[in-house]
Amino acid sequence: FWSTRTEWWHYNLQGAHKDPIANFKW
C-alpha cells in the first residue's frame, strides 16, 4: 500500500488506480 501525504488514515493498494470505477452495491 502507499499513503497519502495529507491523510494519515488513507492507503491505496499499489496499481489499484488502473482498475475501473465500480458501482457494485451490497
mmCIF file of all heavy atoms, coordinates in Angstrom:
data_MODEL
# 
_entry.id   MODEL 
# 
loop_
_atom_site.group_PDB 
_atom_site.id 
_atom_site.type_symbol 
_atom_site.label_atom_id 
_atom_site.label_alt_id 
_atom_site.label_comp_id 
_atom_site.label_asym_id 
_atom_site.label_entity_id 
_atom_site.label_seq_id 
_atom_site.pdbx_PDB_ins_code 
_atom_site.Cartn_x 
_atom_site.Cartn_y 
_atom_site.Cartn_z 
_atom_site.occupancy 
_atom_site.B_iso_or_equiv 
_atom_site.pdbx_formal_charge 
_atom_site.auth_seq_id 
_atom_site.auth_comp_id 
_atom_site.auth_asym_id 
_atom_site.auth_atom_id 
_atom_site.pdbx_PDB_model_num 
ATOM 1   N N   . PHE A 1 1  ? 0.836   -1.194 0.000   1.00 0.00 ? 1  PHE A N   1 
ATOM 2   C CA  . PHE A 1 1  ? 0.000   0.000  0.000   1.00 0.00 ? 1  PHE A CA  1 
ATOM 3   C C   . PHE A 1 1  ? 0.876   1.251  0.000   1.00 0.00 ? 1  PHE A C   1 
ATOM 4   O O   . PHE A 1 1  ? 2.008   1.225  0.472   1.00 0.00 ? 1  PHE A O   1 
ATOM 5   C CB  . PHE A 1 1  ? -0.906  0.025  1.232   1.00 0.00 ? 1  PHE A CB  1 
ATOM 6   C CG  . PHE A 1 1  ? -1.982  -1.023 1.236   1.00 0.00 ? 1  PHE A CG  1 
ATOM 7   C CD1 . PHE A 1 1  ? -1.730  -2.292 1.763   1.00 0.00 ? 1  PHE A CD1 1 
ATOM 8   C CD2 . PHE A 1 1  ? -3.242  -0.762 0.714   1.00 0.00 ? 1  PHE A CD2 1 
ATOM 9   C CE1 . PHE A 1 1  ? -2.717  -3.260 1.767   1.00 0.00 ? 1  PHE A CE1 1 
ATOM 10  C CE2 . PHE A 1 1  ? -4.229  -1.724 0.724   1.00 0.00 ? 1  PHE A CE2 1 
ATOM 11  C CZ  . PHE A 1 1  ? -3.972  -2.984 1.244   1.00 0.00 ? 1  PHE A CZ  1 
ATOM 12  N N   . TRP A 1 2  ? 0.341   2.340  -0.524  1.00 0.00 ? 2  TRP A N   1 
ATOM 13  C CA  . TRP A 1 2  ? 1.044   3.615  -0.422  1.00 0.00 ? 2  TRP A CA  1 
ATOM 14  C C   . TRP A 1 2  ? 0.127   4.638  0.218   1.00 0.00 ? 2  TRP A C   1 
ATOM 15  O O   . TRP A 1 2  ? -1.095  4.550  0.124   1.00 0.00 ? 2  TRP A O   1 
ATOM 16  C CB  . TRP A 1 2  ? 1.569   4.087  -1.770  1.00 0.00 ? 2  TRP A CB  1 
ATOM 17  C CG  . TRP A 1 2  ? 0.574   4.198  -2.885  1.00 0.00 ? 2  TRP A CG  1 
ATOM 18  C CD1 . TRP A 1 2  ? 0.180   3.214  -3.748  1.00 0.00 ? 2  TRP A CD1 1 
ATOM 19  C CD2 . TRP A 1 2  ? -0.131  5.378  -3.296  1.00 0.00 ? 2  TRP A CD2 1 
ATOM 20  N NE1 . TRP A 1 2  ? -0.728  3.693  -4.657  1.00 0.00 ? 2  TRP A NE1 1 
ATOM 21  C CE2 . TRP A 1 2  ? -0.938  5.017  -4.412  1.00 0.00 ? 2  TRP A CE2 1 
ATOM 22  C CE3 . TRP A 1 2  ? -0.160  6.699  -2.832  1.00 0.00 ? 2  TRP A CE3 1 
ATOM 23  C CZ2 . TRP A 1 2  ? -1.771  5.928  -5.058  1.00 0.00 ? 2  TRP A CZ2 1 
ATOM 24  C CZ3 . TRP A 1 2  ? -0.994  7.611  -3.481  1.00 0.00 ? 2  TRP A CZ3 1 
ATOM 25  C CH2 . TRP A 1 2  ? -1.787  7.215  -4.581  1.00 0.00 ? 2  TRP A CH2 1 
ATOM 26  N N   . SER A 1 3  ? 0.740   5.570  0.893   1.00 0.00 ? 3  SER A N   1 
ATOM 27  C CA  . SER A 1 3  ? -0.007  6.523  1.704   1.00 0.00 ? 3  SER A CA  1 
ATOM 28  C C   . SER A 1 3  ? -0.272  7.823  0.964   1.00 0.00 ? 3  SER A C   1 
ATOM 29  O O   . SER A 1 3  ? 0.312   8.100  -0.089  1.00 0.00 ? 3  SER A O   1 
ATOM 30  C CB  . SER A 1 3  ? 0.760   6.831  2.998   1.00 0.00 ? 3  SER A CB  1 
ATOM 31  O OG  . SER A 1 3  ? 2.024   7.387  2.690   1.00 0.00 ? 3  SER A OG  1 
ATOM 32  N N   . THR A 1 4  ? -1.156  8.631  1.531   1.00 0.00 ? 4  THR A N   1 
ATOM 33  C CA  . THR A 1 4  ? -1.429  9.985  1.053   1.00 0.00 ? 4  THR A CA  1 
ATOM 34  C C   . THR A 1 4  ? -0.808  10.959 2.042   1.00 0.00 ? 4  THR A C   1 
ATOM 35  O O   . THR A 1 4  ? -1.051  10.861 3.244   1.00 0.00 ? 4  THR A O   1 
ATOM 36  C CB  . THR A 1 4  ? -2.951  10.228 0.951   1.00 0.00 ? 4  THR A CB  1 
ATOM 37  O OG1 . THR A 1 4  ? -3.508  9.307  0.002   1.00 0.00 ? 4  THR A OG1 1 
ATOM 38  C CG2 . THR A 1 4  ? -3.249  11.652 0.502   1.00 0.00 ? 4  THR A CG2 1 
ATOM 39  N N   . ARG A 1 5  ? -0.023  11.897 1.551   1.00 0.00 ? 5  ARG A N   1 
ATOM 40  C CA  . ARG A 1 5  ? 0.758   12.771 2.417   1.00 0.00 ? 5  ARG A CA  1 
ATOM 41  C C   . ARG A 1 5  ? -0.089  13.514 3.443   1.00 0.00 ? 5  ARG A C   1 
ATOM 42  O O   . ARG A 1 5  ? 0.323   13.702 4.579   1.00 0.00 ? 5  ARG A O   1 
ATOM 43  C CB  . ARG A 1 5  ? 1.528   13.799 1.563   1.00 0.00 ? 5  ARG A CB  1 
ATOM 44  C CG  . ARG A 1 5  ? 2.454   14.699 2.377   1.00 0.00 ? 5  ARG A CG  1 
ATOM 45  C CD  . ARG A 1 5  ? 3.163   15.699 1.479   1.00 0.00 ? 5  ARG A CD  1 
ATOM 46  N NE  . ARG A 1 5  ? 2.251   16.714 0.975   1.00 0.00 ? 5  ARG A NE  1 
ATOM 47  C CZ  . ARG A 1 5  ? 1.952   17.841 1.620   1.00 0.00 ? 5  ARG A CZ  1 
ATOM 48  N NH1 . ARG A 1 5  ? 2.478   18.092 2.809   1.00 0.00 ? 5  ARG A NH1 1 
ATOM 49  N NH2 . ARG A 1 5  ? 1.127   18.726 1.091   1.00 0.00 ? 5  ARG A NH2 1 
ATOM 50  N N   . THR A 1 6  ? -1.296  13.946 3.053   1.00 0.00 ? 6  THR A N   1 
ATOM 51  C CA  . THR A 1 6  ? -2.097  14.813 3.914   1.00 0.00 ? 6  THR A CA  1 
ATOM 52  C C   . THR A 1 6  ? -3.111  14.067 4.787   1.00 0.00 ? 6  THR A C   1 
ATOM 53  O O   . THR A 1 6  ? -3.823  14.694 5.560   1.00 0.00 ? 6  THR A O   1 
ATOM 54  C CB  . THR A 1 6  ? -2.861  15.834 3.056   1.00 0.00 ? 6  THR A CB  1 
ATOM 55  O OG1 . THR A 1 6  ? -3.711  15.133 2.131   1.00 0.00 ? 6  THR A OG1 1 
ATOM 56  C CG2 . THR A 1 6  ? -1.894  16.722 2.280   1.00 0.00 ? 6  THR A CG2 1 
ATOM 57  N N   . GLU A 1 7  ? -3.163  12.728 4.652   1.00 0.00 ? 7  GLU A N   1 
ATOM 58  C CA  . GLU A 1 7  ? -4.154  11.943 5.402   1.00 0.00 ? 7  GLU A CA  1 
ATOM 59  C C   . GLU A 1 7  ? -3.490  10.702 5.989   1.00 0.00 ? 7  GLU A C   1 
ATOM 60  O O   . GLU A 1 7  ? -3.237  9.738  5.267   1.00 0.00 ? 7  GLU A O   1 
ATOM 61  C CB  . GLU A 1 7  ? -5.325  11.544 4.506   1.00 0.00 ? 7  GLU A CB  1 
ATOM 62  C CG  . GLU A 1 7  ? -6.063  12.722 3.885   1.00 0.00 ? 7  GLU A CG  1 
ATOM 63  C CD  . GLU A 1 7  ? -7.149  12.290 2.905   1.00 0.00 ? 7  GLU A CD  1 
ATOM 64  O OE1 . GLU A 1 7  ? -7.302  11.067 2.681   1.00 0.00 ? 7  GLU A OE1 1 
ATOM 65  O OE2 . GLU A 1 7  ? -7.842  13.166 2.367   1.00 0.00 ? 7  GLU A OE2 1 
ATOM 66  N N   . TRP A 1 8  ? -3.234  10.695 7.282   1.00 0.00 ? 8  TRP A N   1 
ATOM 67  C CA  . TRP A 1 8  ? -2.552  9.561  7.894   1.00 0.00 ? 8  TRP A CA  1 
ATOM 68  C C   . TRP A 1 8  ? -3.355  8.266  7.796   1.00 0.00 ? 8  TRP A C   1 
ATOM 69  O O   . TRP A 1 8  ? -2.795  7.167  7.903   1.00 0.00 ? 8  TRP A O   1 
ATOM 70  C CB  . TRP A 1 8  ? -2.202  9.860  9.358   1.00 0.00 ? 8  TRP A CB  1 
ATOM 71  C CG  . TRP A 1 8  ? -3.390  10.129 10.259  1.00 0.00 ? 8  TRP A CG  1 
ATOM 72  C CD1 . TRP A 1 8  ? -3.833  11.339 10.684  1.00 0.00 ? 8  TRP A CD1 1 
ATOM 73  C CD2 . TRP A 1 8  ? -4.276  9.152  10.834  1.00 0.00 ? 8  TRP A CD2 1 
ATOM 74  N NE1 . TRP A 1 8  ? -4.947  11.204 11.492  1.00 0.00 ? 8  TRP A NE1 1 
ATOM 75  C CE2 . TRP A 1 8  ? -5.239  9.862  11.598  1.00 0.00 ? 8  TRP A CE2 1 
ATOM 76  C CE3 . TRP A 1 8  ? -4.355  7.763  10.789  1.00 0.00 ? 8  TRP A CE3 1 
ATOM 77  C CZ2 . TRP A 1 8  ? -6.268  9.223  12.296  1.00 0.00 ? 8  TRP A CZ2 1 
ATOM 78  C CZ3 . TRP A 1 8  ? -5.387  7.120  11.492  1.00 0.00 ? 8  TRP A CZ3 1 
ATOM 79  C CH2 . TRP A 1 8  ? -6.316  7.853  12.230  1.00 0.00 ? 8  TRP A CH2 1 
ATOM 80  N N   . TRP A 1 9  ? -4.666  8.337  7.592   1.00 0.00 ? 9  TRP A N   1 
ATOM 81  C CA  . TRP A 1 9  ? -5.558  7.178  7.611   1.00 0.00 ? 9  TRP A CA  1 
ATOM 82  C C   . TRP A 1 9  ? -5.752  6.528  6.239   1.00 0.00 ? 9  TRP A C   1 
ATOM 83  O O   . TRP A 1 9  ? -6.284  5.433  6.146   1.00 0.00 ? 9  TRP A O   1 
ATOM 84  C CB  . TRP A 1 9  ? -6.938  7.591  8.141   1.00 0.00 ? 9  TRP A CB  1 
ATOM 85  C CG  . TRP A 1 9  ? -7.546  8.724  7.343   1.00 0.00 ? 9  TRP A CG  1 
ATOM 86  C CD1 . TRP A 1 9  ? -8.264  8.622  6.181   1.00 0.00 ? 9  TRP A CD1 1 
ATOM 87  C CD2 . TRP A 1 9  ? -7.452  10.124 7.625   1.00 0.00 ? 9  TRP A CD2 1 
ATOM 88  N NE1 . TRP A 1 9  ? -8.619  9.869  5.726   1.00 0.00 ? 9  TRP A NE1 1 
ATOM 89  C CE2 . TRP A 1 9  ? -8.136  10.811 6.603   1.00 0.00 ? 9  TRP A CE2 1 
ATOM 90  C CE3 . TRP A 1 9  ? -6.867  10.862 8.657   1.00 0.00 ? 9  TRP A CE3 1 
ATOM 91  C CZ2 . TRP A 1 9  ? -8.249  12.204 6.568   1.00 0.00 ? 9  TRP A CZ2 1 
ATOM 92  C CZ3 . TRP A 1 9  ? -6.970  12.248 8.620   1.00 0.00 ? 9  TRP A CZ3 1 
ATOM 93  C CH2 . TRP A 1 9  ? -7.662  12.903 7.588   1.00 0.00 ? 9  TRP A CH2 1 
ATOM 94  N N   . HIS A 1 10 ? -5.372  7.193  5.160   1.00 0.00 ? 10 HIS A N   1 
ATOM 95  C CA  . HIS A 1 10 ? -5.728  6.736  3.811   1.00 0.00 ? 10 HIS A CA  1 
ATOM 96  C C   . HIS A 1 10 ? -4.597  5.936  3.165   1.00 0.00 ? 10 HIS A C   1 
ATOM 97  O O   . HIS A 1 10 ? -3.457  6.392  3.100   1.00 0.00 ? 10 HIS A O   1 
ATOM 98  C CB  . HIS A 1 10 ? -6.061  7.942  2.924   1.00 0.00 ? 10 HIS A CB  1 
ATOM 99  C CG  . HIS A 1 10 ? -6.515  7.552  1.544   1.00 0.00 ? 10 HIS A CG  1 
ATOM 100 N ND1 . HIS A 1 10 ? -7.843  7.390  1.222   1.00 0.00 ? 10 HIS A ND1 1 
ATOM 101 C CD2 . HIS A 1 10 ? -5.820  7.277  0.412   1.00 0.00 ? 10 HIS A CD2 1 
ATOM 102 C CE1 . HIS A 1 10 ? -7.934  7.039  -0.047  1.00 0.00 ? 10 HIS A CE1 1 
ATOM 103 N NE2 . HIS A 1 10 ? -6.715  6.959  -0.565  1.00 0.00 ? 10 HIS A NE2 1 
ATOM 104 N N   . TYR A 1 11 ? -4.958  4.740  2.643   1.00 0.00 ? 11 TYR A N   1 
ATOM 105 C CA  . TYR A 1 11 ? -3.978  3.875  1.976   1.00 0.00 ? 11 TYR A CA  1 
ATOM 106 C C   . TYR A 1 11 ? -4.561  3.294  0.692   1.00 0.00 ? 11 TYR A C   1 
ATOM 107 O O   . TYR A 1 11 ? -5.699  2.819  0.676   1.00 0.00 ? 11 TYR A O   1 
ATOM 108 C CB  . TYR A 1 11 ? -3.519  2.755  2.916   1.00 0.00 ? 11 TYR A CB  1 
ATOM 109 C CG  . TYR A 1 11 ? -2.593  3.282  3.974   1.00 0.00 ? 11 TYR A CG  1 
ATOM 110 C CD1 . TYR A 1 11 ? -3.099  3.769  5.181   1.00 0.00 ? 11 TYR A CD1 1 
ATOM 111 C CD2 . TYR A 1 11 ? -1.222  3.372  3.744   1.00 0.00 ? 11 TYR A CD2 1 
ATOM 112 C CE1 . TYR A 1 11 ? -2.254  4.313  6.134   1.00 0.00 ? 11 TYR A CE1 1 
ATOM 113 C CE2 . TYR A 1 11 ? -0.372  3.913  4.698   1.00 0.00 ? 11 TYR A CE2 1 
ATOM 114 C CZ  . TYR A 1 11 ? -0.888  4.388  5.883   1.00 0.00 ? 11 TYR A CZ  1 
ATOM 115 O OH  . TYR A 1 11 ? -0.061  4.938  6.823   1.00 0.00 ? 11 TYR A OH  1 
ATOM 116 N N   . ASN A 1 12 ? -3.762  3.359  -0.371  1.00 0.00 ? 12 ASN A N   1 
ATOM 117 C CA  . ASN A 1 12 ? -4.138  2.812  -1.679  1.00 0.00 ? 12 ASN A CA  1 
ATOM 118 C C   . ASN A 1 12 ? -3.273  1.604  -2.002  1.00 0.00 ? 12 ASN A C   1 
ATOM 119 O O   . ASN A 1 12 ? -2.049  1.643  -1.803  1.00 0.00 ? 12 ASN A O   1 
ATOM 120 C CB  . ASN A 1 12 ? -3.929  3.850  -2.783  1.00 0.00 ? 12 ASN A CB  1 
ATOM 121 C CG  . ASN A 1 12 ? -4.799  5.073  -2.612  1.00 0.00 ? 12 ASN A CG  1 
ATOM 122 O OD1 . ASN A 1 12 ? -5.968  4.974  -2.296  1.00 0.00 ? 12 ASN A OD1 1 
ATOM 123 N ND2 . ASN A 1 12 ? -4.213  6.248  -2.820  1.00 0.00 ? 12 ASN A ND2 1 
ATOM 124 N N   . LEU A 1 13 ? -3.894  0.555  -2.520  1.00 0.00 ? 13 LEU A N   1 
ATOM 125 C CA  . LEU A 1 13 ? -3.135  -0.606 -2.959  1.00 0.00 ? 13 LEU A CA  1 
ATOM 126 C C   . LEU A 1 13 ? -2.383  -0.247 -4.234  1.00 0.00 ? 13 LEU A C   1 
ATOM 127 O O   . LEU A 1 13 ? -2.950  0.373  -5.145  1.00 0.00 ? 13 LEU A O   1 
ATOM 128 C CB  . LEU A 1 13 ? -4.066  -1.792 -3.214  1.00 0.00 ? 13 LEU A CB  1 
ATOM 129 C CG  . LEU A 1 13 ? -3.368  -3.105 -3.601  1.00 0.00 ? 13 LEU A CG  1 
ATOM 130 C CD1 . LEU A 1 13 ? -2.541  -3.634 -2.439  1.00 0.00 ? 13 LEU A CD1 1 
ATOM 131 C CD2 . LEU A 1 13 ? -4.395  -4.144 -4.042  1.00 0.00 ? 13 LEU A CD2 1 
ATOM 132 N N   . GLN A 1 14 ? -1.128  -0.615 -4.284  1.00 0.00 ? 14 GLN A N   1 
ATOM 133 C CA  . GLN A 1 14 ? -0.311  -0.307 -5.446  1.00 0.00 ? 14 GLN A CA  1 
ATOM 134 C C   . GLN A 1 14 ? -0.950  -0.848 -6.729  1.00 0.00 ? 14 GLN A C   1 
ATOM 135 O O   . GLN A 1 14 ? -1.347  -2.011 -6.803  1.00 0.00 ? 14 GLN A O   1 
ATOM 136 C CB  . GLN A 1 14 ? 1.083   -0.915 -5.275  1.00 0.00 ? 14 GLN A CB  1 
ATOM 137 C CG  . GLN A 1 14 ? 2.064   -0.539 -6.369  1.00 0.00 ? 14 GLN A CG  1 
ATOM 138 C CD  . GLN A 1 14 ? 3.474   -1.036 -6.070  1.00 0.00 ? 14 GLN A CD  1 
ATOM 139 O OE1 . GLN A 1 14 ? 3.718   -1.660 -5.050  1.00 0.00 ? 14 GLN A OE1 1 
ATOM 140 N NE2 . GLN A 1 14 ? 4.394   -0.759 -6.962  1.00 0.00 ? 14 GLN A NE2 1 
ATOM 141 N N   . GLY A 1 15 ? -1.071  -0.001 -7.733  1.00 0.00 ? 15 GLY A N   1 
ATOM 142 C CA  . GLY A 1 15 ? -1.642  -0.399 -9.016  1.00 0.00 ? 15 GLY A CA  1 
ATOM 143 C C   . GLY A 1 15 ? -3.152  -0.313 -9.100  1.00 0.00 ? 15 GLY A C   1 
ATOM 144 O O   . GLY A 1 15 ? -3.725  -0.475 -10.181 1.00 0.00 ? 15 GLY A O   1 
ATOM 145 N N   . ALA A 1 16 ? -3.820  -0.035 -7.980  1.00 0.00 ? 16 ALA A N   1 
ATOM 146 C CA  . ALA A 1 16 ? -5.289  -0.018 -7.966  1.00 0.00 ? 16 ALA A CA  1 
ATOM 147 C C   . ALA A 1 16 ? -5.868  1.122  -8.796  1.00 0.00 ? 16 ALA A C   1 
ATOM 148 O O   . ALA A 1 16 ? -7.022  1.054  -9.224  1.00 0.00 ? 16 ALA A O   1 
ATOM 149 C CB  . ALA A 1 16 ? -5.800  0.066  -6.531  1.00 0.00 ? 16 ALA A CB  1 
ATOM 150 N N   . HIS A 1 17 ? -5.077  2.163  -9.026  1.00 0.00 ? 17 HIS A N   1 
ATOM 151 C CA  . HIS A 1 17 ? -5.568  3.300  -9.815  1.00 0.00 ? 17 HIS A CA  1 
ATOM 152 C C   . HIS A 1 17 ? -5.866  2.893  -11.259 1.00 0.00 ? 17 HIS A C   1 
ATOM 153 O O   . HIS A 1 17 ? -6.606  3.589  -11.966 1.00 0.00 ? 17 HIS A O   1 
ATOM 154 C CB  . HIS A 1 17 ? -4.540  4.431  -9.805  1.00 0.00 ? 17 HIS A CB  1 
ATOM 155 C CG  . HIS A 1 17 ? -3.251  4.094  -10.484 1.00 0.00 ? 17 HIS A CG  1 
ATOM 156 N ND1 . HIS A 1 17 ? -2.303  3.278  -9.908  1.00 0.00 ? 17 HIS A ND1 1 
ATOM 157 C CD2 . HIS A 1 17 ? -2.764  4.447  -11.703 1.00 0.00 ? 17 HIS A CD2 1 
ATOM 158 C CE1 . HIS A 1 17 ? -1.273  3.152  -10.733 1.00 0.00 ? 17 HIS A CE1 1 
ATOM 159 N NE2 . HIS A 1 17 ? -1.527  3.850  -11.827 1.00 0.00 ? 17 HIS A NE2 1 
ATOM 160 N N   . LYS A 1 18 ? -5.333  1.761  -11.692 1.00 0.00 ? 18 LYS A N   1 
ATOM 161 C CA  . LYS A 1 18 ? -5.555  1.292  -13.058 1.00 0.00 ? 18 LYS A CA  1 
ATOM 162 C C   . LYS A 1 18 ? -6.886  0.550  -13.205 1.00 0.00 ? 18 LYS A C   1 
ATOM 163 O O   . LYS A 1 18 ? -7.343  0.298  -14.324 1.00 0.00 ? 18 LYS A O   1 
ATOM 164 C CB  . LYS A 1 18 ? -4.421  0.367  -13.484 1.00 0.00 ? 18 LYS A CB  1 
ATOM 165 C CG  . LYS A 1 18 ? -3.052  1.026  -13.492 1.00 0.00 ? 18 LYS A CG  1 
ATOM 166 C CD  . LYS A 1 18 ? -1.972  0.022  -13.857 1.00 0.00 ? 18 LYS A CD  1 
ATOM 167 C CE  . LYS A 1 18 ? -0.588  0.647  -13.809 1.00 0.00 ? 18 LYS A CE  1 
ATOM 168 N NZ  . LYS A 1 18 ? 0.477   -0.354 -14.115 1.00 0.00 ? 18 LYS A NZ  1 
ATOM 169 N N   . ASP A 1 19 ? -7.501  0.169  -12.086 1.00 0.00 ? 19 ASP A N   1 
ATOM 170 C CA  . ASP A 1 19 ? -8.761  -0.574 -12.136 1.00 0.00 ? 19 ASP A CA  1 
ATOM 171 C C   . ASP A 1 19 ? -9.919  0.338  -12.510 1.00 0.00 ? 19 ASP A C   1 
ATOM 172 O O   . ASP A 1 19 ? -9.879  1.547  -12.263 1.00 0.00 ? 19 ASP A O   1 
ATOM 173 C CB  . ASP A 1 19 ? -9.036  -1.240 -10.782 1.00 0.00 ? 19 ASP A CB  1 
ATOM 174 C CG  . ASP A 1 19 ? -8.032  -2.319 -10.451 1.00 0.00 ? 19 ASP A CG  1 
ATOM 175 O OD1 . ASP A 1 19 ? -7.573  -2.997 -11.390 1.00 0.00 ? 19 ASP A OD1 1 
ATOM 176 O OD2 . ASP A 1 19 ? -7.686  -2.474 -9.264  1.00 0.00 ? 19 ASP A OD2 1 
ATOM 177 N N   . PRO A 1 20 ? -10.972 -0.226 -13.085 1.00 0.00 ? 20 PRO A N   1 
ATOM 178 C CA  . PRO A 1 20 ? -12.124 0.602  -13.470 1.00 0.00 ? 20 PRO A CA  1 
ATOM 179 C C   . PRO A 1 20 ? -12.944 1.053  -12.272 1.00 0.00 ? 20 PRO A C   1 
ATOM 180 O O   . PRO A 1 20 ? -12.973 0.388  -11.235 1.00 0.00 ? 20 PRO A O   1 
ATOM 181 C CB  . PRO A 1 20 ? -12.936 -0.344 -14.359 1.00 0.00 ? 20 PRO A CB  1 
ATOM 182 C CG  . PRO A 1 20 ? -12.593 -1.713 -13.867 1.00 0.00 ? 20 PRO A CG  1 
ATOM 183 C CD  . PRO A 1 20 ? -11.142 -1.637 -13.476 1.00 0.00 ? 20 PRO A CD  1 
ATOM 184 N N   . ILE A 1 21 ? -13.605 2.183  -12.422 1.00 0.00 ? 21 ILE A N   1 
ATOM 185 C CA  . ILE A 1 21 ? -14.550 2.660  -11.410 1.00 0.00 ? 21 ILE A CA  1 
ATOM 186 C C   . ILE A 1 21 ? -15.713 1.666  -11.357 1.00 0.00 ? 21 ILE A C   1 
ATOM 187 O O   . ILE A 1 21 ? -16.176 1.178  -12.389 1.00 0.00 ? 21 ILE A O   1 
ATOM 188 C CB  . ILE A 1 21 ? -15.066 4.063  -11.770 1.00 0.00 ? 21 ILE A CB  1 
ATOM 189 C CG1 . ILE A 1 21 ? -13.919 5.075  -11.698 1.00 0.00 ? 21 ILE A CG1 1 
ATOM 190 C CG2 . ILE A 1 21 ? -16.203 4.479  -10.854 1.00 0.00 ? 21 ILE A CG2 1 
ATOM 191 C CD1 . ILE A 1 21 ? -14.294 6.443  -12.215 1.00 0.00 ? 21 ILE A CD1 1 
ATOM 192 N N   . ALA A 1 22 ? -16.162 1.355  -10.161 1.00 0.00 ? 22 ALA A N   1 
ATOM 193 C CA  . ALA A 1 22 ? -17.239 0.380  -9.998  1.00 0.00 ? 22 ALA A CA  1 
ATOM 194 C C   . ALA A 1 22 ? -18.422 0.996  -9.265  1.00 0.00 ? 22 ALA A C   1 
ATOM 195 O O   . ALA A 1 22 ? -18.272 1.981  -8.535  1.00 0.00 ? 22 ALA A O   1 
ATOM 196 C CB  . ALA A 1 22 ? -16.735 -0.839 -9.227  1.00 0.00 ? 22 ALA A CB  1 
ATOM 197 N N   . ASN A 1 23 ? -19.579 0.410  -9.480  1.00 0.00 ? 23 ASN A N   1 
ATOM 198 C CA  . ASN A 1 23 ? -20.773 0.851  -8.755  1.00 0.00 ? 23 ASN A CA  1 
ATOM 199 C C   . ASN A 1 23 ? -21.500 -0.347 -8.163  1.00 0.00 ? 23 ASN A C   1 
ATOM 200 O O   . ASN A 1 23 ? -22.723 -0.348 -8.030  1.00 0.00 ? 23 ASN A O   1 
ATOM 201 C CB  . ASN A 1 23 ? -21.709 1.650  -9.670  1.00 0.00 ? 23 ASN A CB  1 
ATOM 202 C CG  . ASN A 1 23 ? -22.706 2.481  -8.879  1.00 0.00 ? 23 ASN A CG  1 
ATOM 203 O OD1 . ASN A 1 23 ? -22.385 2.994  -7.812  1.00 0.00 ? 23 ASN A OD1 1 
ATOM 204 N ND2 . ASN A 1 23 ? -23.935 2.600  -9.382  1.00 0.00 ? 23 ASN A ND2 1 
ATOM 205 N N   . PHE A 1 24 ? -20.721 -1.374 -7.826  1.00 0.00 ? 24 PHE A N   1 
ATOM 206 C CA  . PHE A 1 24 ? -21.287 -2.537 -7.146  1.00 0.00 ? 24 PHE A CA  1 
ATOM 207 C C   . PHE A 1 24 ? -21.900 -2.104 -5.817  1.00 0.00 ? 24 PHE A C   1 
ATOM 208 O O   . PHE A 1 24 ? -21.299 -1.358 -5.058  1.00 0.00 ? 24 PHE A O   1 
ATOM 209 C CB  . PHE A 1 24 ? -20.186 -3.575 -6.906  1.00 0.00 ? 24 PHE A CB  1 
ATOM 210 C CG  . PHE A 1 24 ? -20.516 -4.574 -5.841  1.00 0.00 ? 24 PHE A CG  1 
ATOM 211 C CD1 . PHE A 1 24 ? -21.385 -5.623 -6.084  1.00 0.00 ? 24 PHE A CD1 1 
ATOM 212 C CD2 . PHE A 1 24 ? -19.979 -4.459 -4.564  1.00 0.00 ? 24 PHE A CD2 1 
ATOM 213 C CE1 . PHE A 1 24 ? -21.703 -6.537 -5.090  1.00 0.00 ? 24 PHE A CE1 1 
ATOM 214 C CE2 . PHE A 1 24 ? -20.282 -5.363 -3.562  1.00 0.00 ? 24 PHE A CE2 1 
ATOM 215 C CZ  . PHE A 1 24 ? -21.142 -6.408 -3.834  1.00 0.00 ? 24 PHE A CZ  1 
ATOM 216 N N   . LYS A 1 25 ? -23.109 -2.580 -5.524  1.00 0.00 ? 25 LYS A N   1 
ATOM 217 C CA  . LYS A 1 25 ? -23.797 -2.235 -4.274  1.00 0.00 ? 25 LYS A CA  1 
ATOM 218 C C   . LYS A 1 25 ? -24.105 -3.522 -3.499  1.00 0.00 ? 25 LYS A C   1 
ATOM 219 O O   . LYS A 1 25 ? -24.597 -4.481 -4.059  1.00 0.00 ? 25 LYS A O   1 
ATOM 220 C CB  . LYS A 1 25 ? -25.090 -1.459 -4.560  1.00 0.00 ? 25 LYS A CB  1 
ATOM 221 C CG  . LYS A 1 25 ? -24.856 -0.140 -5.287  1.00 0.00 ? 25 LYS A CG  1 
ATOM 222 C CD  . LYS A 1 25 ? -26.167 0.541  -5.631  1.00 0.00 ? 25 LYS A CD  1 
ATOM 223 C CE  . LYS A 1 25 ? -25.937 1.823  -6.430  1.00 0.00 ? 25 LYS A CE  1 
ATOM 224 N NZ  . LYS A 1 25 ? -27.226 2.461  -6.832  1.00 0.00 ? 25 LYS A NZ  1 
ATOM 225 N N   . TRP A 1 26 ? -23.798 -3.488 -2.225  1.00 0.00 ? 26 TRP A N   1 
ATOM 226 C CA  . TRP A 1 26 ? -24.035 -4.675 -1.402  1.00 0.00 ? 26 TRP A CA  1 
ATOM 227 C C   . TRP A 1 26 ? -25.439 -4.649 -0.811  1.00 0.00 ? 26 TRP A C   1 
ATOM 228 O O   . TRP A 1 26 ? -26.063 -3.598 -0.664  1.00 0.00 ? 26 TRP A O   1 
ATOM 229 C CB  . TRP A 1 26 ? -22.997 -4.738 -0.285  1.00 0.00 ? 26 TRP A CB  1 
ATOM 230 C CG  . TRP A 1 26 ? -22.918 -3.509 0.561   1.00 0.00 ? 26 TRP A CG  1 
ATOM 231 C CD1 . TRP A 1 26 ? -23.727 -3.169 1.606   1.00 0.00 ? 26 TRP A CD1 1 
ATOM 232 C CD2 . TRP A 1 26 ? -21.983 -2.422 0.420   1.00 0.00 ? 26 TRP A CD2 1 
ATOM 233 N NE1 . TRP A 1 26 ? -23.351 -1.959 2.126   1.00 0.00 ? 26 TRP A NE1 1 
ATOM 234 C CE2 . TRP A 1 26 ? -22.288 -1.467 1.430   1.00 0.00 ? 26 TRP A CE2 1 
ATOM 235 C CE3 . TRP A 1 26 ? -20.913 -2.188 -0.439  1.00 0.00 ? 26 TRP A CE3 1 
ATOM 236 C CZ2 . TRP A 1 26 ? -21.566 -0.301 1.576   1.00 0.00 ? 26 TRP A CZ2 1 
ATOM 237 C CZ3 . TRP A 1 26 ? -20.191 -1.020 -0.284  1.00 0.00 ? 26 TRP A CZ3 1 
ATOM 238 C CH2 . TRP A 1 26 ? -20.507 -0.101 0.717   1.00 0.00 ? 26 TRP A CH2 1 
# 
